[in-house]
N, C-alpha and C. Protein backbone atom coordinates (compact mmCIF):
# COMPACT_ATOMS: atom_id res chain seq x y z
N MET A 1 0.85 -0.98 -0.28
CA MET A 1 0.03 0.24 -0.03
C MET A 1 0.91 1.03 -0.05
N THR A 2 1.06 2.19 -0.38
CA THR A 2 1.37 3.35 -0.96
C THR A 2 1.01 4.29 -0.19
N ASP A 3 1.76 5.55 0.23
CA ASP A 3 1.56 6.21 0.97
C ASP A 3 0.37 7.20 0.65
N ASP A 4 -0.07 7.38 -0.54
CA ASP A 4 -1.30 7.83 -1.11
C ASP A 4 -2.32 7.35 -1.14
N ASN A 5 -2.27 6.31 -0.53
CA ASN A 5 -3.67 4.98 -0.71
C ASN A 5 -4.47 5.50 0.40
N PRO A 6 -5.86 5.56 0.20
CA PRO A 6 -6.69 6.72 1.06
C PRO A 6 -7.55 5.59 2.12
N SER A 7 -6.78 4.29 1.64
CA SER A 7 -7.52 2.98 2.65
C SER A 7 -6.60 2.88 3.66
N THR A 8 -5.43 3.52 4.29
CA THR A 8 -4.58 3.16 4.79
C THR A 8 -4.36 4.61 5.35
N VAL A 9 -3.54 4.87 6.38
CA VAL A 9 -3.40 5.54 7.09
C VAL A 9 -1.81 5.21 7.91
N LYS A 10 -1.38 6.65 8.03
CA LYS A 10 0.24 5.94 8.78
C LYS A 10 0.14 6.54 10.37
N VAL A 11 0.24 5.24 11.09
CA VAL A 11 0.45 5.50 12.17
C VAL A 11 1.69 5.36 12.54
N TRP A 12 2.28 3.86 12.61
CA TRP A 12 4.07 3.77 13.26
C TRP A 12 4.80 4.59 12.64
N ASP A 13 5.75 5.42 13.02
CA ASP A 13 6.86 6.43 12.21
C ASP A 13 7.84 4.96 12.35
N PRO A 14 9.01 5.51 11.62
CA PRO A 14 9.87 5.16 11.75
C PRO A 14 10.76 4.50 12.62
N VAL A 15 11.08 5.71 13.39
CA VAL A 15 11.80 4.89 15.00
C VAL A 15 10.67 4.11 15.46
N VAL A 16 9.63 4.11 15.77
CA VAL A 16 8.69 3.08 16.31
C VAL A 16 9.10 1.48 15.60
N ARG A 17 9.13 1.32 14.52
CA ARG A 17 9.11 0.32 14.12
C ARG A 17 10.43 -0.30 13.84
N ILE A 18 11.74 1.03 13.16
CA ILE A 18 13.06 -0.18 13.76
C ILE A 18 13.64 -0.35 15.13
N PHE A 19 12.88 -0.04 16.02
CA PHE A 19 12.75 0.34 17.06
C PHE A 19 12.46 -1.18 17.62
N HIS A 20 10.95 -1.79 17.40
CA HIS A 20 10.33 -2.71 17.26
C HIS A 20 11.46 -3.73 16.91
N TRP A 21 11.88 -4.00 15.63
CA TRP A 21 11.85 -5.21 15.00
C TRP A 21 13.52 -5.06 15.72
N SER A 22 14.19 -4.34 15.67
CA SER A 22 15.59 -4.28 16.61
C SER A 22 15.15 -4.83 17.60
N LEU A 23 14.57 -4.52 18.24
CA LEU A 23 14.66 -5.49 19.97
C LEU A 23 14.36 -6.89 19.74
N VAL A 24 13.42 -6.97 18.73
CA VAL A 24 12.85 -8.48 18.33
C VAL A 24 14.32 -9.43 18.17
N GLY A 25 14.69 -8.73 17.28
CA GLY A 25 16.06 -9.58 16.98
C GLY A 25 17.20 -9.32 17.78
N ALA A 26 17.36 -7.83 18.66
CA ALA A 26 18.77 -8.45 19.57
C ALA A 26 18.25 -9.54 21.04
N PHE A 27 16.55 -9.16 21.10
CA PHE A 27 16.24 -10.70 22.39
C PHE A 27 16.61 -11.29 21.96
N ALA A 28 16.31 -12.02 20.90
CA ALA A 28 16.38 -13.14 20.18
C ALA A 28 17.84 -13.74 20.34
N VAL A 29 19.13 -12.71 20.12
CA VAL A 29 20.28 -12.96 19.75
C VAL A 29 21.01 -13.36 21.55
N ALA A 30 20.25 -12.54 22.65
CA ALA A 30 20.18 -12.44 23.39
C ALA A 30 19.79 -13.89 24.11
N TRP A 31 19.11 -14.01 23.88
CA TRP A 31 18.28 -15.32 25.11
C TRP A 31 18.87 -16.45 24.09
N LEU A 32 19.42 -16.55 23.25
CA LEU A 32 20.04 -17.68 22.25
C LEU A 32 21.43 -18.33 22.83
N THR A 33 21.81 -16.84 23.38
CA THR A 33 23.51 -17.05 23.40
C THR A 33 23.71 -16.90 24.69
N GLY A 34 22.82 -16.74 25.75
CA GLY A 34 22.52 -16.98 26.93
C GLY A 34 23.89 -17.33 27.75
N ASP A 35 23.92 -18.70 27.25
CA ASP A 35 24.59 -19.76 28.07
C ASP A 35 25.92 -19.92 27.38
N GLU A 36 25.96 -19.62 26.04
CA GLU A 36 27.37 -20.04 25.26
C GLU A 36 28.33 -19.40 24.60
N LEU A 37 27.50 -18.18 24.18
CA LEU A 37 28.32 -17.11 23.81
C LEU A 37 28.19 -15.43 24.78
N ASP A 38 29.14 -15.87 25.13
CA ASP A 38 28.78 -14.58 26.81
C ASP A 38 29.60 -13.09 26.15
N ARG A 39 30.00 -12.75 25.45
CA ARG A 39 30.43 -11.44 24.75
C ARG A 39 29.06 -11.40 23.71
N ILE A 40 28.65 -11.64 23.01
CA ILE A 40 27.65 -11.63 21.93
C ILE A 40 26.21 -11.22 22.77
N HIS A 41 25.77 -12.21 23.76
CA HIS A 41 25.06 -11.95 24.61
C HIS A 41 24.97 -10.78 25.25
N GLU A 42 26.31 -10.64 25.75
CA GLU A 42 26.39 -9.36 26.66
C GLU A 42 25.96 -7.78 25.60
N ILE A 43 26.72 -8.16 24.18
CA ILE A 43 26.83 -7.45 23.31
C ILE A 43 25.42 -6.56 22.64
N ALA A 44 24.22 -7.95 22.94
CA ALA A 44 22.85 -7.92 22.37
C ALA A 44 22.69 -6.80 23.46
N GLY A 45 22.74 -7.57 24.67
CA GLY A 45 22.06 -7.02 26.34
C GLY A 45 22.09 -5.12 26.07
N TYR A 46 23.23 -4.99 25.61
CA TYR A 46 23.80 -3.32 25.67
C TYR A 46 22.37 -2.99 24.33
N VAL A 47 22.94 -3.37 23.49
CA VAL A 47 22.02 -2.99 22.47
C VAL A 47 20.28 -2.77 22.90
N ILE A 48 19.73 -3.89 23.23
CA ILE A 48 18.95 -3.65 24.10
C ILE A 48 18.28 -2.39 25.00
N LEU A 49 19.50 -2.47 25.63
CA LEU A 49 19.17 -1.00 26.79
C LEU A 49 19.24 0.17 25.71
N GLY A 50 20.34 0.43 25.05
CA GLY A 50 20.50 1.63 24.30
C GLY A 50 19.24 1.58 23.56
N LEU A 51 18.47 0.51 23.13
CA LEU A 51 17.25 0.41 22.45
C LEU A 51 16.14 1.47 22.98
N ILE A 52 15.81 0.32 24.64
CA ILE A 52 15.03 1.02 25.28
C ILE A 52 15.10 2.88 25.64
N ALA A 53 16.40 3.29 26.01
CA ALA A 53 16.62 4.31 26.06
C ALA A 53 16.38 4.93 24.94
N ILE A 54 16.40 4.93 23.72
CA ILE A 54 15.60 5.64 22.61
C ILE A 54 14.32 5.30 22.22
N ARG A 55 13.95 4.78 22.47
CA ARG A 55 12.27 4.79 22.81
C ARG A 55 11.46 5.37 23.86
N LEU A 56 12.13 5.19 25.33
CA LEU A 56 11.96 6.39 26.43
C LEU A 56 11.42 7.67 25.63
N VAL A 57 13.04 7.98 25.35
CA VAL A 57 12.95 9.43 24.59
C VAL A 57 11.97 9.56 23.62
N TRP A 58 11.99 8.84 22.95
CA TRP A 58 10.84 8.93 21.62
C TRP A 58 9.39 8.98 21.94
N GLY A 59 9.01 8.14 23.23
CA GLY A 59 7.59 8.26 23.94
C GLY A 59 7.81 9.46 24.53
N LEU A 60 8.47 10.04 24.42
CA LEU A 60 8.14 11.43 25.11
C LEU A 60 7.69 12.67 23.97
N ILE A 61 8.75 12.75 23.09
CA ILE A 61 9.05 13.39 22.26
C ILE A 61 9.04 13.28 20.69
N GLY A 62 8.58 11.93 20.35
CA GLY A 62 7.66 11.85 19.48
C GLY A 62 6.95 11.95 18.68
N PRO A 63 6.27 11.65 17.54
CA PRO A 63 4.60 11.93 17.07
C PRO A 63 4.06 11.16 17.39
N ARG A 64 2.28 11.24 17.49
CA ARG A 64 1.40 11.03 17.86
C ARG A 64 1.29 9.41 18.67
N TYR A 65 1.72 8.62 17.57
CA TYR A 65 1.00 7.32 18.47
C TYR A 65 2.62 6.61 18.93
N ALA A 66 3.28 7.28 18.86
CA ALA A 66 4.51 6.64 19.25
C ALA A 66 4.39 7.64 20.93
N ARG A 67 3.93 8.28 21.29
CA ARG A 67 4.01 8.93 22.72
C ARG A 67 3.23 8.09 23.90
N PHE A 68 3.49 8.15 24.61
CA PHE A 68 3.28 7.07 25.71
C PHE A 68 1.90 7.75 26.22
N THR A 69 1.38 9.02 26.07
CA THR A 69 0.54 10.05 26.54
C THR A 69 -0.77 9.10 25.56
N GLN A 70 -0.69 8.72 24.35
CA GLN A 70 -1.79 8.11 23.96
C GLN A 70 -2.00 6.74 23.61
N PHE A 71 -1.18 6.25 23.85
CA PHE A 71 -1.25 4.35 24.41
C PHE A 71 -0.79 4.15 25.84
N VAL A 72 -0.74 4.61 26.90
CA VAL A 72 -0.21 4.39 28.27
C VAL A 72 -1.87 4.04 28.96
N PRO A 73 -2.11 3.19 29.04
CA PRO A 73 -3.47 3.31 30.12
C PRO A 73 -3.23 3.22 31.61
N GLY A 74 -4.95 3.79 31.97
CA GLY A 74 -4.82 3.98 33.00
C GLY A 74 -5.19 2.50 34.10
N VAL A 75 -4.96 2.67 35.39
CA VAL A 75 -5.58 0.66 35.71
C VAL A 75 -6.87 0.86 35.11
N GLN A 76 -8.28 1.61 35.23
CA GLN A 76 -9.45 1.90 34.76
C GLN A 76 -9.53 1.67 33.07
N GLY A 77 -8.45 1.94 32.56
CA GLY A 77 -8.74 2.06 30.77
C GLY A 77 -8.95 0.57 30.47
N PHE A 78 -7.19 -0.13 31.24
CA PHE A 78 -6.97 -1.56 31.00
C PHE A 78 -7.94 -2.40 31.41
N THR A 79 -8.55 -2.01 32.33
CA THR A 79 -9.33 -3.54 33.15
C THR A 79 -11.27 -3.21 31.99
N ASP A 80 -11.25 -2.01 32.28
CA ASP A 80 -12.35 -1.82 30.73
C ASP A 80 -12.24 -2.22 29.50
N TYR A 81 -10.97 -2.14 29.03
CA TYR A 81 -10.66 -2.56 27.96
C TYR A 81 -10.99 -4.17 27.75
N VAL A 82 -10.33 -4.61 28.77
CA VAL A 82 -9.96 -6.24 29.23
C VAL A 82 -11.33 -6.84 29.38
N ALA A 83 -12.25 -6.34 30.18
CA ALA A 83 -14.20 -6.41 30.23
C ALA A 83 -14.38 -6.95 28.92
N ASP A 84 -14.17 -5.90 28.15
CA ASP A 84 -14.97 -5.35 26.79
C ASP A 84 -14.25 -6.41 25.73
N ILE A 85 -12.52 -6.82 26.48
CA ILE A 85 -12.52 -8.08 25.31
C ILE A 85 -13.43 -9.41 25.48
N ARG A 86 -13.38 -9.61 26.59
CA ARG A 86 -14.26 -10.52 27.39
C ARG A 86 -16.26 -10.64 26.73
N LYS A 87 -16.30 -9.55 27.12
CA LYS A 87 -17.81 -9.83 25.88
C LYS A 87 -17.60 -9.91 24.78
N GLY A 88 -16.43 -9.50 23.84
CA GLY A 88 -16.15 -9.27 22.33
C GLY A 88 -16.49 -8.25 22.03
N ARG A 89 -16.65 -7.03 22.43
CA ARG A 89 -17.21 -5.92 22.09
C ARG A 89 -15.61 -4.48 22.10
N GLU A 90 -14.74 -5.29 22.36
CA GLU A 90 -13.08 -4.18 22.55
C GLU A 90 -13.68 -3.16 21.14
N PRO A 91 -13.39 -1.79 21.28
CA PRO A 91 -13.24 -0.94 20.16
C PRO A 91 -12.20 -1.58 19.24
N ARG A 92 -11.69 -0.75 18.46
CA ARG A 92 -10.65 -1.13 17.80
C ARG A 92 -9.76 0.32 18.02
N HIS A 93 -8.08 0.52 17.74
CA HIS A 93 -7.82 1.52 18.19
C HIS A 93 -6.58 1.40 17.20
N LEU A 94 -6.97 3.47 16.33
CA LEU A 94 -5.97 2.97 15.47
C LEU A 94 -4.56 3.15 15.75
N GLY A 95 -3.38 3.46 17.37
CA GLY A 95 -2.67 3.29 17.85
C GLY A 95 -2.85 1.90 18.43
N HIS A 96 -2.08 2.09 19.66
CA HIS A 96 -1.53 0.64 20.33
C HIS A 96 -3.31 1.22 21.14
N ASN A 97 -3.46 -0.57 21.79
CA ASN A 97 -5.06 -0.41 22.27
C ASN A 97 -4.82 -0.41 23.67
N PRO A 98 -5.55 -0.21 24.77
CA PRO A 98 -5.19 -0.25 25.85
C PRO A 98 -4.19 -1.19 26.50
N ALA A 99 -4.58 -2.83 26.08
CA ALA A 99 -3.69 -3.92 26.40
C ALA A 99 -2.58 -3.84 25.80
N GLY A 100 -2.27 -3.52 24.79
CA GLY A 100 -1.19 -3.02 24.08
C GLY A 100 0.07 -2.38 24.64
N GLY A 101 -0.63 -1.11 25.32
CA GLY A 101 0.31 -0.03 25.65
C GLY A 101 0.37 -0.63 26.68
N ALA A 102 -0.71 -1.51 28.04
CA ALA A 102 -0.09 -1.92 29.09
C ALA A 102 1.62 -3.00 28.60
N MET A 103 0.87 -3.86 27.51
CA MET A 103 2.15 -4.53 27.32
C MET A 103 3.43 -4.42 27.12
N VAL A 104 3.29 -3.01 26.37
CA VAL A 104 4.75 -2.28 26.05
C VAL A 104 5.60 -2.04 27.26
N VAL A 105 4.39 -1.08 28.56
CA VAL A 105 5.40 -0.76 29.90
C VAL A 105 5.43 -1.94 30.38
N ALA A 106 4.85 -2.64 30.31
CA ALA A 106 5.29 -4.68 30.73
C ALA A 106 6.87 -4.98 30.35
N LEU A 107 6.90 -4.93 28.77
CA LEU A 107 7.81 -5.46 28.33
C LEU A 107 9.26 -4.62 28.54
N ILE A 108 8.99 -2.65 28.30
CA ILE A 108 9.88 -2.40 28.72
C ILE A 108 10.30 -2.47 30.06
N VAL A 109 9.46 -2.49 31.04
CA VAL A 109 10.17 -2.72 32.67
C VAL A 109 10.86 -4.01 32.82
N MET A 110 10.61 -5.23 32.30
CA MET A 110 10.82 -5.76 32.43
C MET A 110 12.26 -6.38 31.29
N LEU A 111 12.37 -5.58 30.45
CA LEU A 111 14.05 -5.33 29.95
C LEU A 111 14.95 -4.51 30.38
N LEU A 112 14.10 -3.64 31.07
CA LEU A 112 15.13 -3.12 31.80
C LEU A 112 15.88 -3.37 33.39
N VAL A 113 14.72 -4.47 33.67
CA VAL A 113 15.49 -5.20 34.96
C VAL A 113 16.32 -6.62 34.24
N THR A 114 15.77 -7.00 33.52
CA THR A 114 17.05 -8.07 33.16
C THR A 114 17.82 -7.46 32.52
N GLY A 115 18.63 -6.23 31.66
CA GLY A 115 19.15 -5.74 30.84
C GLY A 115 20.13 -5.39 32.52
N GLY A 116 19.42 -4.39 33.38
CA GLY A 116 20.41 -4.00 34.35
C GLY A 116 20.66 -4.88 35.39
N SER A 117 19.69 -6.15 35.45
CA SER A 117 20.76 -7.09 36.01
C SER A 117 22.11 -7.92 35.57
N GLY A 118 22.15 -7.86 33.97
CA GLY A 118 23.09 -8.35 33.58
C GLY A 118 23.93 -7.51 33.55
N TRP A 119 23.92 -6.27 33.16
CA TRP A 119 24.75 -5.19 33.51
C TRP A 119 25.73 -5.41 35.12
N MET A 120 24.96 -5.54 35.58
CA MET A 120 25.10 -5.59 37.16
C MET A 120 26.02 -6.77 37.34
N MET A 121 26.24 -8.32 36.66
CA MET A 121 26.81 -8.80 36.83
C MET A 121 28.19 -8.73 36.58
N THR A 122 28.33 -7.56 35.18
CA THR A 122 29.68 -7.29 34.83
C THR A 122 30.44 -6.10 35.90
N LEU A 123 29.90 -5.59 37.07
CA LEU A 123 30.71 -5.04 37.99
C LEU A 123 31.18 -5.77 39.47
N ASP A 124 32.11 -5.30 39.60
CA ASP A 124 33.07 -6.04 40.86
C ASP A 124 31.93 -6.09 42.03
N MET A 125 31.27 -5.34 41.79
CA MET A 125 30.63 -5.13 43.22
C MET A 125 29.44 -6.30 43.15
N PHE A 126 28.95 -6.94 42.47
CA PHE A 126 28.31 -7.61 42.41
C PHE A 126 28.84 -8.90 41.56
N TRP A 127 30.04 -8.95 41.29
CA TRP A 127 30.32 -9.99 40.34
C TRP A 127 30.08 -11.63 41.58
N GLY A 128 29.89 -12.60 40.71
CA GLY A 128 29.60 -13.68 41.29
C GLY A 128 27.97 -13.80 42.40
N ALA A 129 27.38 -12.32 42.50
CA ALA A 129 26.09 -13.08 43.03
C ALA A 129 25.43 -13.49 42.24
N GLU A 130 24.86 -14.60 42.71
CA GLU A 130 23.66 -15.96 43.38
C GLU A 130 22.53 -15.15 42.69
N TRP A 131 22.37 -13.90 43.46
CA TRP A 131 20.78 -13.17 43.31
C TRP A 131 20.72 -12.88 42.30
N VAL A 132 21.83 -11.95 41.66
CA VAL A 132 21.47 -11.01 40.94
C VAL A 132 21.50 -12.01 39.64
N GLU A 133 22.17 -12.54 39.36
CA GLU A 133 22.47 -14.18 38.36
C GLU A 133 20.63 -14.64 38.10
N GLU A 134 20.22 -14.77 39.36
CA GLU A 134 19.09 -15.61 39.31
C GLU A 134 17.62 -14.96 38.77
N VAL A 135 17.99 -13.06 39.40
CA VAL A 135 16.96 -12.06 38.81
C VAL A 135 17.39 -11.87 37.47
N HIS A 136 18.43 -12.20 37.32
CA HIS A 136 18.49 -11.86 35.25
C HIS A 136 17.89 -13.30 34.61
N GLU A 137 18.41 -14.23 35.16
CA GLU A 137 17.90 -15.63 34.28
C GLU A 137 16.35 -15.64 34.62
N VAL A 138 15.47 -15.38 35.77
CA VAL A 138 14.18 -15.39 35.67
C VAL A 138 13.54 -14.29 35.03
N MET A 139 14.31 -13.24 34.90
CA MET A 139 13.26 -12.10 34.27
C MET A 139 13.45 -12.52 32.44
N ALA A 140 14.56 -12.55 31.89
CA ALA A 140 15.08 -13.20 30.71
C ALA A 140 13.65 -14.32 30.37
N ASN A 141 13.82 -15.22 31.43
CA ASN A 141 12.95 -16.33 30.67
C ASN A 141 11.00 -16.11 31.10
N ALA A 142 10.91 -15.08 31.99
CA ALA A 142 9.74 -14.43 32.20
C ALA A 142 9.16 -13.59 30.74
N MET A 143 10.26 -13.05 30.31
CA MET A 143 10.33 -12.00 28.89
C MET A 143 9.57 -13.01 27.73
N LEU A 144 10.08 -14.52 28.01
CA LEU A 144 9.26 -14.93 26.55
C LEU A 144 7.78 -15.38 26.96
N VAL A 145 7.49 -15.43 28.49
CA VAL A 145 5.88 -15.25 28.79
C VAL A 145 5.54 -14.36 28.07
N LEU A 146 6.18 -13.12 28.13
CA LEU A 146 5.82 -11.79 27.72
C LEU A 146 5.65 -11.31 26.20
N VAL A 147 6.49 -11.77 26.16
CA VAL A 147 6.51 -11.87 24.18
C VAL A 147 5.59 -13.03 23.66
N GLY A 148 5.62 -14.32 24.55
CA GLY A 148 4.33 -15.45 23.78
C GLY A 148 2.77 -14.61 24.09
N LEU A 149 2.70 -13.81 25.11
CA LEU A 149 1.50 -13.56 25.26
C LEU A 149 1.33 -12.07 24.53
N HIS A 150 2.21 -10.97 24.18
CA HIS A 150 2.15 -10.67 22.96
C HIS A 150 1.92 -10.72 21.49
N VAL A 151 2.43 -11.49 21.67
CA VAL A 151 2.16 -12.46 19.62
C VAL A 151 1.07 -12.92 19.61
N LEU A 152 0.53 -13.47 21.08
CA LEU A 152 -1.31 -13.56 20.94
C LEU A 152 -2.10 -12.34 21.16
N GLY A 153 -1.51 -11.45 21.86
CA GLY A 153 -2.54 -10.49 21.32
C GLY A 153 -2.46 -10.13 20.00
N VAL A 154 -1.72 -9.91 19.58
CA VAL A 154 -1.21 -9.29 18.65
C VAL A 154 -2.67 -10.11 17.15
N VAL A 155 -2.24 -11.65 17.13
CA VAL A 155 -2.99 -12.20 16.74
C VAL A 155 -4.59 -12.37 16.73
N VAL A 156 -5.02 -12.04 17.83
CA VAL A 156 -6.19 -12.05 18.64
C VAL A 156 -6.72 -11.08 18.03
N ALA A 157 -5.89 -9.75 18.12
CA ALA A 157 -6.60 -8.15 17.60
C ALA A 157 -6.72 -8.11 16.04
N SER A 158 -5.25 -8.71 15.55
CA SER A 158 -5.71 -8.84 13.73
C SER A 158 -6.84 -9.07 13.64
N ILE A 159 -7.02 -10.70 14.20
CA ILE A 159 -8.47 -11.42 13.59
C ILE A 159 -9.81 -10.48 13.86
N ARG A 160 -9.98 -10.33 15.18
CA ARG A 160 -10.93 -9.51 15.34
C ARG A 160 -11.29 -8.02 15.27
N HIS A 161 -10.42 -7.68 14.37
CA HIS A 161 -10.64 -6.15 13.64
C HIS A 161 -10.26 -6.61 12.67
N HIS A 162 -9.99 -7.24 12.06
CA HIS A 162 -9.53 -7.30 10.40
C HIS A 162 -8.68 -6.99 9.63
N GLU A 163 -7.39 -6.60 10.57
CA GLU A 163 -6.41 -6.36 10.06
C GLU A 163 -4.84 -6.97 10.64
N ASN A 164 -3.97 -7.16 9.79
CA ASN A 164 -2.72 -7.52 10.11
C ASN A 164 -1.97 -6.05 10.54
N LEU A 165 -1.65 -6.77 12.01
CA LEU A 165 -1.20 -5.42 12.52
C LEU A 165 0.43 -6.14 12.54
N VAL A 166 1.10 -6.78 12.26
CA VAL A 166 2.61 -7.68 11.88
C VAL A 166 2.82 -6.81 10.62
N ARG A 167 1.86 -6.44 9.88
CA ARG A 167 2.48 -5.75 8.67
C ARG A 167 2.05 -4.23 8.44
N ALA A 168 1.07 -4.17 9.78
CA ALA A 168 0.97 -2.45 9.48
C ALA A 168 2.74 -2.10 11.31
N MET A 169 3.16 -3.24 11.47
CA MET A 169 4.41 -2.83 12.05
C MET A 169 5.53 -2.85 11.16
N MET A 170 5.17 -3.43 9.94
CA MET A 170 6.31 -3.25 8.97
C MET A 170 6.55 -1.83 8.23
N THR A 171 5.07 -1.76 7.76
CA THR A 171 5.06 -0.55 6.47
C THR A 171 4.07 1.01 7.20
N GLY A 172 4.00 0.55 8.66
CA GLY A 172 3.49 2.07 9.50
C GLY A 172 2.26 2.29 9.26
N ARG A 173 1.83 1.62 8.11
CA ARG A 173 0.49 2.07 7.62
C ARG A 173 -1.09 0.69 8.38
N LYS A 174 -1.88 1.32 8.84
CA LYS A 174 -2.84 0.84 9.28
C LYS A 174 -4.40 0.98 8.21
N ARG A 175 -5.18 0.23 8.40
CA ARG A 175 -6.52 0.76 8.09
C ARG A 175 -7.08 2.02 8.42
N ALA A 176 -7.52 2.68 7.07
CA ALA A 176 -8.35 4.02 7.75
C ALA A 176 -9.45 3.57 8.73
N PRO A 177 -9.44 4.12 9.35
CA PRO A 177 -10.95 4.59 10.31
C PRO A 177 -12.32 4.70 9.56
N GLU A 178 -12.81 3.49 10.04
CA GLU A 178 -14.43 3.67 9.50
C GLU A 178 -15.58 4.09 10.60
N ARG A 179 -16.56 4.79 10.30
CA ARG A 179 -17.26 4.95 11.07
C ARG A 179 -17.56 3.92 12.30
N GLY A 180 -17.56 4.59 13.50
CA GLY A 180 -18.01 4.15 14.75
C GLY A 180 -16.51 2.65 15.04
N ASP A 181 -15.73 2.85 13.95
CA ASP A 181 -14.29 1.62 13.97
C ASP A 181 -13.56 1.64 15.25
N ILE A 182 -13.35 2.96 15.45
CA ILE A 182 -12.15 3.77 16.29
C ILE A 182 -12.45 4.30 17.79
N ALA A 183 -11.97 3.86 18.64
CA ALA A 183 -12.40 3.94 19.86
C ALA A 183 -11.69 5.41 20.56
């Protein structure tokens, strides 16, 4: 779909899209090299922390759909949206829906804890501290659960709202809103 296609609208800017797919790749590399290739694992971890730093700044100064104020739900917004999902009547959102926004926050926090604990293991102060290693490993494995839930949410939302969210995160474009379609 081209930029002038009236049936789609720009939603995800290049920074958000590059961040997302770079994070996917860096996390996969970090997770797969965790027990065998320490140097590659560490580099991937630092790349992840750098990407998160960029995303945090972009979440404050980026365009509309990149900003945290656009998609981070309050507790009530999140619980209302989940209740609507259970009833099969959740509204479509052009940007992240409240569940997706909550997942973004959860993933960022978990990645910061995972990356921070990994960095701590390189410091003399925490060298060999078993609790730091445990935190790092538990958080890395818990990330797999969150990633699985994220992918499941993308599949469910794609089906229920008749749009390919994976393609949208690649192209930056989503189906244009229809009357009564967007929350």
